[in-house]
Protein backbone atom coordinates (compact mmCIF):
# COMPACT_ATOMS: atom_id res chain seq x y z
CA UNK A 1 -27.70 -148.66 23.26
CA UNK A 2 -30.12 -145.88 24.50
CA UNK A 3 -29.76 -146.10 28.40
CA UNK A 4 -33.36 -145.01 30.12
CA UNK A 5 -34.02 -144.58 33.75
CA UNK A 6 -37.56 -145.18 35.28
CA UNK A 7 -38.06 -143.98 38.68
CA UNK A 8 -41.65 -144.80 39.67
CA UNK A 9 -42.87 -146.38 43.16
CA UNK A 10 -45.79 -148.84 41.68
CA UNK A 11 -43.91 -151.74 40.83
CA UNK A 12 -46.67 -152.61 37.90
CA UNK A 13 -45.28 -149.55 35.51
CA UNK A 14 -41.69 -149.96 36.51
CA UNK A 15 -42.20 -154.26 35.02
CA UNK A 16 -44.42 -153.02 31.88
CA UNK A 17 -41.75 -150.27 31.08
CA UNK A 18 -38.74 -152.60 31.88
CA UNK A 19 -40.83 -155.20 29.42
CA UNK A 20 -41.87 -152.77 27.10
CA UNK A 21 -38.59 -150.75 26.71
CA UNK A 22 -36.36 -153.77 26.65
CA UNK A 23 -38.10 -155.43 24.04
CA UNK A 24 -37.99 -152.27 21.90
CA UNK A 25 -33.56 -152.36 22.78
CA UNK A 26 -34.02 -149.52 24.95
CA UNK A 27 -31.02 -150.72 28.12
CA UNK A 28 -33.58 -149.95 31.27
CA UNK A 29 -32.65 -149.31 34.73
CA UNK A 30 -35.51 -148.91 37.45
CA UNK A 31 -35.84 -147.04 40.98
CA UNK A 32 -38.60 -146.82 43.26
CA UNK A 33 -38.07 -143.51 45.00
CA UNK A 34 -36.79 -139.98 44.71
CA UNK A 35 -33.31 -141.38 46.52
CA UNK A 36 -32.35 -144.21 44.87
CA UNK A 37 -33.41 -142.23 41.59
CA UNK A 38 -30.93 -139.73 42.01
CA UNK A 39 -28.31 -142.11 42.81
CA UNK A 40 -29.10 -144.50 39.50
CA UNK A 41 -29.08 -140.93 37.85
CA UNK A 42 -25.56 -140.42 38.97
CA UNK A 43 -23.95 -144.26 38.52
CA UNK A 44 -25.91 -145.00 35.13
CA UNK A 45 -25.78 -141.95 33.26
CA UNK A 46 -29.10 -142.72 31.61
CA UNK A 47 -29.87 -141.00 27.91
CA UNK A 48 -32.98 -140.89 29.06
CA UNK A 49 -35.06 -140.15 32.75
CA UNK A 50 -38.66 -141.17 32.95
CA UNK A 51 -39.80 -139.92 36.21
CA UNK A 52 -43.45 -139.79 38.39
CA UNK A 53 -44.07 -136.86 39.88
CA UNK A 54 -46.00 -138.89 43.69
CA UNK A 55 -42.76 -140.48 44.80
CA UNK A 56 -42.82 -141.66 48.45
CA UNK A 57 -39.84 -139.75 49.92
CA UNK A 58 -39.95 -136.63 47.95
CA UNK A 59 -41.94 -134.88 45.28
CA UNK A 60 -40.56 -135.57 41.67
CA UNK A 61 -40.05 -131.51 41.06
CA UNK A 62 -37.21 -132.11 43.50
CA UNK A 63 -35.66 -134.63 41.66
CA UNK A 64 -35.77 -132.73 39.20
CA UNK A 65 -34.36 -129.33 40.12
CA UNK A 66 -31.05 -132.01 41.75
CA UNK A 67 -30.88 -133.15 38.17
CA UNK A 68 -30.96 -129.94 36.94
CA UNK A 69 -27.94 -128.35 38.96
CA UNK A 70 -25.86 -130.79 37.31
CA UNK A 71 -27.26 -132.82 34.29
CA UNK A 72 -29.13 -131.69 31.09
CA UNK A 73 -30.78 -135.01 30.50
CA UNK A 74 -34.55 -135.13 29.12
CA UNK A 75 -36.75 -135.76 31.56
CA UNK A 76 -40.55 -137.00 30.72
CA UNK A 77 -42.89 -136.97 33.85
CA UNK A 78 -45.77 -139.21 34.47
CA UNK A 79 -48.53 -137.15 36.49
CA UNK A 80 -51.84 -138.19 37.41
CA UNK A 81 -54.75 -136.95 35.11
CA UNK A 82 -55.87 -133.40 36.81
CA UNK A 83 -52.85 -132.64 38.28
CA UNK A 84 -52.02 -129.35 35.85
CA UNK A 85 -50.27 -127.05 38.75
CA UNK A 86 -48.07 -130.11 39.44
CA UNK A 87 -46.95 -130.42 35.93
CA UNK A 88 -46.06 -126.90 35.41
CA UNK A 89 -44.21 -126.76 38.62
CA UNK A 90 -42.39 -129.84 37.12
CA UNK A 91 -42.14 -128.02 33.54
CA UNK A 92 -40.91 -124.99 35.14
CA UNK A 93 -38.22 -126.99 37.35
CA UNK A 94 -36.60 -127.88 34.28
CA UNK A 95 -38.58 -131.42 32.96
CA UNK A 96 -38.68 -131.56 29.68
CA UNK A 97 -42.51 -132.96 28.52
CA UNK A 98 -44.99 -135.09 30.59
CA UNK A 99 -47.46 -138.20 30.00
CA UNK A 100 -50.38 -138.23 32.05
CA UNK A 101 -51.55 -141.00 34.16
CA UNK A 102 -53.37 -143.39 32.65
CA UNK A 103 -51.10 -143.31 29.30
CA UNK A 104 -51.02 -145.19 26.40
CA UNK A 105 -47.26 -147.43 25.96
CA UNK A 106 -47.78 -145.76 21.96
CA UNK A 107 -47.64 -142.22 23.62
CA UNK A 108 -45.14 -142.00 26.18
CA UNK A 109 -42.92 -144.30 23.85
CA UNK A 110 -43.50 -141.23 21.08
CA UNK A 111 -42.88 -139.00 23.66
CA UNK A 112 -39.28 -140.58 24.63
CA UNK A 113 -38.33 -140.81 20.98
CA UNK A 114 -39.02 -137.03 20.57
CA UNK A 115 -36.96 -136.42 23.30
CA UNK A 116 -33.90 -138.28 22.59
CA UNK A 117 -34.04 -136.56 19.14
CA UNK A 118 -34.02 -133.31 20.71
CA UNK A 119 -31.16 -134.45 22.95
CA UNK A 120 -29.07 -135.42 20.33
CA UNK A 121 -26.88 -132.81 18.51
CA UNK A 122 -27.88 -131.44 15.48
CA UNK A 123 -26.37 -129.47 12.62
CA UNK A 124 -26.83 -125.48 12.83
CA UNK A 125 -29.64 -124.98 10.74
CA UNK A 126 -31.40 -121.99 10.79
CA UNK A 127 -33.68 -122.56 8.10
CA UNK A 128 -36.98 -124.66 9.33
CA UNK A 129 -39.55 -125.37 6.40
CA UNK A 130 -42.95 -126.79 6.91
CA UNK A 131 -45.37 -127.91 4.11
CA UNK A 132 -47.43 -124.25 4.12
CA UNK A 133 -44.56 -122.09 5.00
CA UNK A 134 -40.54 -121.83 5.81
CA UNK A 135 -39.19 -119.79 9.37
CA UNK A 136 -35.41 -118.24 8.41
CA UNK A 137 -34.24 -117.79 12.16
CA UNK A 138 -30.88 -116.40 10.82
CA UNK A 139 -32.83 -113.67 8.20
CA UNK A 140 -35.75 -113.52 11.01
CA UNK A 141 -38.41 -114.27 8.39
CA UNK A 142 -41.23 -116.23 7.68
CA UNK A 143 -42.44 -116.84 3.73
CA UNK A 144 -45.26 -118.79 2.54
CA UNK A 145 -44.93 -121.66 0.56
CA UNK A 146 -45.57 -119.69 -2.74
CA UNK A 147 -42.48 -117.56 -1.73
CA UNK A 148 -44.99 -114.36 -0.34
CA UNK A 149 -43.46 -112.83 2.65
CA UNK A 150 -45.50 -113.02 6.28
CA UNK A 151 -45.39 -109.55 8.45
CA UNK A 152 -44.64 -110.27 11.62
CA UNK A 153 -44.61 -107.59 14.80
CA UNK A 154 -41.58 -108.08 16.28
CA UNK A 155 -43.62 -109.64 19.54
CA UNK A 156 -44.83 -112.14 16.96
CA UNK A 157 -41.25 -112.96 16.07
CA UNK A 158 -40.14 -113.19 19.17
CA UNK A 159 -42.42 -116.00 20.22
CA UNK A 160 -42.64 -118.12 17.05
CA UNK A 161 -38.61 -117.84 17.65
CA UNK A 162 -38.87 -119.64 20.90
CA UNK A 163 -41.04 -121.71 19.55
CA UNK A 164 -39.33 -122.77 16.73
CA UNK A 165 -36.15 -123.04 18.31
CA UNK A 166 -37.91 -125.56 20.68
CA UNK A 167 -39.62 -127.51 18.22
CA UNK A 168 -41.22 -130.41 19.11
CA UNK A 169 -40.82 -129.83 22.87
CA UNK A 170 -43.53 -128.20 24.88
CA UNK A 171 -42.21 -124.73 26.05
CA UNK A 172 -44.40 -123.46 29.30
CA UNK A 173 -46.03 -120.75 29.63
CA UNK A 174 -44.40 -119.09 32.15
CA UNK A 175 -41.25 -119.13 30.16
CA UNK A 176 -42.52 -117.61 27.12
CA UNK A 177 -44.14 -114.90 29.22
CA UNK A 178 -40.89 -114.38 30.88
CA UNK A 179 -38.46 -114.19 27.57
CA UNK A 180 -41.17 -112.31 25.66
CA UNK A 181 -42.62 -109.77 28.16
CA UNK A 182 -40.08 -109.90 31.00
CA UNK A 183 -40.59 -111.69 34.64
CA UNK A 184 -43.63 -108.88 35.48
CA UNK A 185 -45.60 -110.50 32.69
CA UNK A 186 -45.18 -114.42 33.94
CA UNK A 187 -48.81 -114.75 34.79
CA UNK A 188 -50.38 -113.05 32.05
CA UNK A 189 -51.45 -116.07 30.23
CA UNK A 190 -54.17 -113.75 27.89
CA UNK A 191 -50.64 -112.26 26.34
CA UNK A 192 -49.82 -115.93 24.90
CA UNK A 193 -53.66 -116.59 23.66
CA UNK A 194 -53.80 -113.01 21.77
CA UNK A 195 -50.93 -113.69 19.94
CA UNK A 196 -50.55 -117.42 19.21
CA UNK A 197 -54.48 -116.48 17.80
CA UNK A 198 -52.66 -113.89 15.47
CA UNK A 199 -49.57 -115.87 14.73
CA UNK A 200 -52.26 -118.93 13.46
CA UNK A 201 -54.28 -116.23 11.88
CA UNK A 202 -50.86 -115.34 9.29
CA UNK A 203 -49.38 -118.82 9.61
CA UNK A 204 -51.82 -121.86 8.94
CA UNK A 205 -54.01 -123.20 6.44
CA UNK A 206 -57.10 -123.53 9.32
CA UNK A 207 -56.12 -121.32 12.33
CA UNK A 208 -59.55 -123.01 14.08
CA UNK A 209 -57.39 -126.47 13.64
CA UNK A 210 -53.98 -125.78 14.06
CA UNK A 211 -51.38 -128.25 12.57
CA UNK A 212 -48.14 -126.14 14.12
CA UNK A 213 -48.75 -124.07 16.85
CA UNK A 214 -50.34 -126.13 19.32
CA UNK A 215 -52.01 -125.54 22.62
CA UNK A 216 -51.13 -127.88 25.78
CA UNK A 217 -54.27 -126.77 27.89
CA UNK A 218 -52.69 -124.98 31.10
CA UNK A 219 -49.39 -126.27 30.12
CA UNK A 220 -47.79 -124.16 26.87
CA UNK A 221 -47.57 -124.45 23.62
CA UNK A 222 -45.93 -126.49 20.78
CA UNK A 223 -44.26 -126.14 17.57
CA UNK A 224 -44.82 -129.05 15.56
CA UNK A 225 -43.02 -128.87 12.25
């Protein structure tokens, strides 16, 4: 049974998540502040943590940093609509995904399932296939469904490779900029917009309505296979 730890200071959210997750056969533990959440993390060793960023005793980002000091457990953060800076800080600290309050239960459950899948050991599969193209990570090659090759520049390939290796997961803008261009470029978000647009033009059936290279406004990008 998958173990989920929910850390939130709103009793109504704790109660709703406990009921909904338990009904779907998750084993749920809860905490209402950061310190008790960290204690529950060490005691219960959950498979996933759902963490509110606005806790009464400490910022949720501080909780993430402390957890990341010793555990790689997936962390889904809950944040209030409009707090983009806080979300970015949480992602940079090591959170895996976020859901904005008020949230729909179906969306949260989908994000939870995705986090669990990503955390599960996966076979060494260097080939990622979509309905429109195939990415061969080992050969560093992209081919269309009709077998024709897609010519990518070294920078386009590097950006695509990072997104594909993290498929399904939100990759923060700062992380992409640091890994592709280096630490000196971590605020140059226009670089990402230009190169993602180029990749969409080469890979997406409808570049203006992307299916695979998705933008999370103000946060980063996600490859949906």
